[in-house]
Amino acid sequence: MIEWVPKTKLGVLVAEKKITTIHDALESGYPLKEWQIVDMLIPNLVDNVLDINMVQRMTDSGRRTKFAVTVVVGNGDGIVGIGRGKAKETGIAINKALIDAKLHIIEIKRGCGSWQCGCGEPHTLPFKVVGKSGSVEVVLNPAPRGVGLAVSDVAKPILHLAGIFDAWELSKGHTKTTVNFAYSVFNALQATAISKMGSSLESKLKIREGISEKCTLTEEELKAKSENANKGNKTRRGR
């Protein structure tokens, strides 16, 4: 295995153990340009392939065929990222998409935002959020504990890897476009991070940002849940 030699300021700080958490890395102000930083700070990261498409382009020398892949990564505890990759071979395209997803990783806010629930655990969204990509618009609403993910097959693995286990979804637009749908869900989750509110409201909704103090799911359990959530998505693509 080739030893990683950091080439950016953030990479050097991580390699020297001056930055030890992904929260500090994202809040440092330095751009995240090396995927090895994510591997060092989040060793239990799980990935899931959402979509594989064959794309073609006509050139003077003939028809060029490539594979376009969409991948989501997360730790099931407030960290999630999504990325795209293109290559002539599927394996290389998946690897490119995985690296892109790690470079676009974010921390999300979770809480107990449903008026029907008062458990105080970060199992759902803290409030209603909206995400849009292309013609697809997705609205995610907090749900009480035990409802599960009443969302589409594309959104399930993304929410699972983000650490959201109860939610309701409303979508409109050309929802059969998997890529736009996935990015709409990601943008909705990103809206939780950029929204600001008072400390009293955060305490009332039990909002937690990023990785919580304790994660109840192991990496194997998270991977199993993600694969089960993605079964319906694979069935949908096969039709």
Foldseek 3Di string as FASTA:
>chain_A
DDDDDDDDPLVVCVVVVVDQAVVCSVPVPDAQDFLVSLCRRPVLKDKDWQDKDWDWDADPVGIDIKIKTKMKIANLFFKIFIFIAIDRDPVVRVVRRVSRRSSGMDGFKFFQCDPVEDPTDRQAHNAWFWFFFDFKIKIKGTDYPPQFEQDDLLLQLRCRRNNHGGIHMDMDGPCVPSVRVNRGSVRRRVVRVPDDDDPVSCVRRNMDIGGDPDDPDGSVRSNVSSVVSNPVSVVVVVD
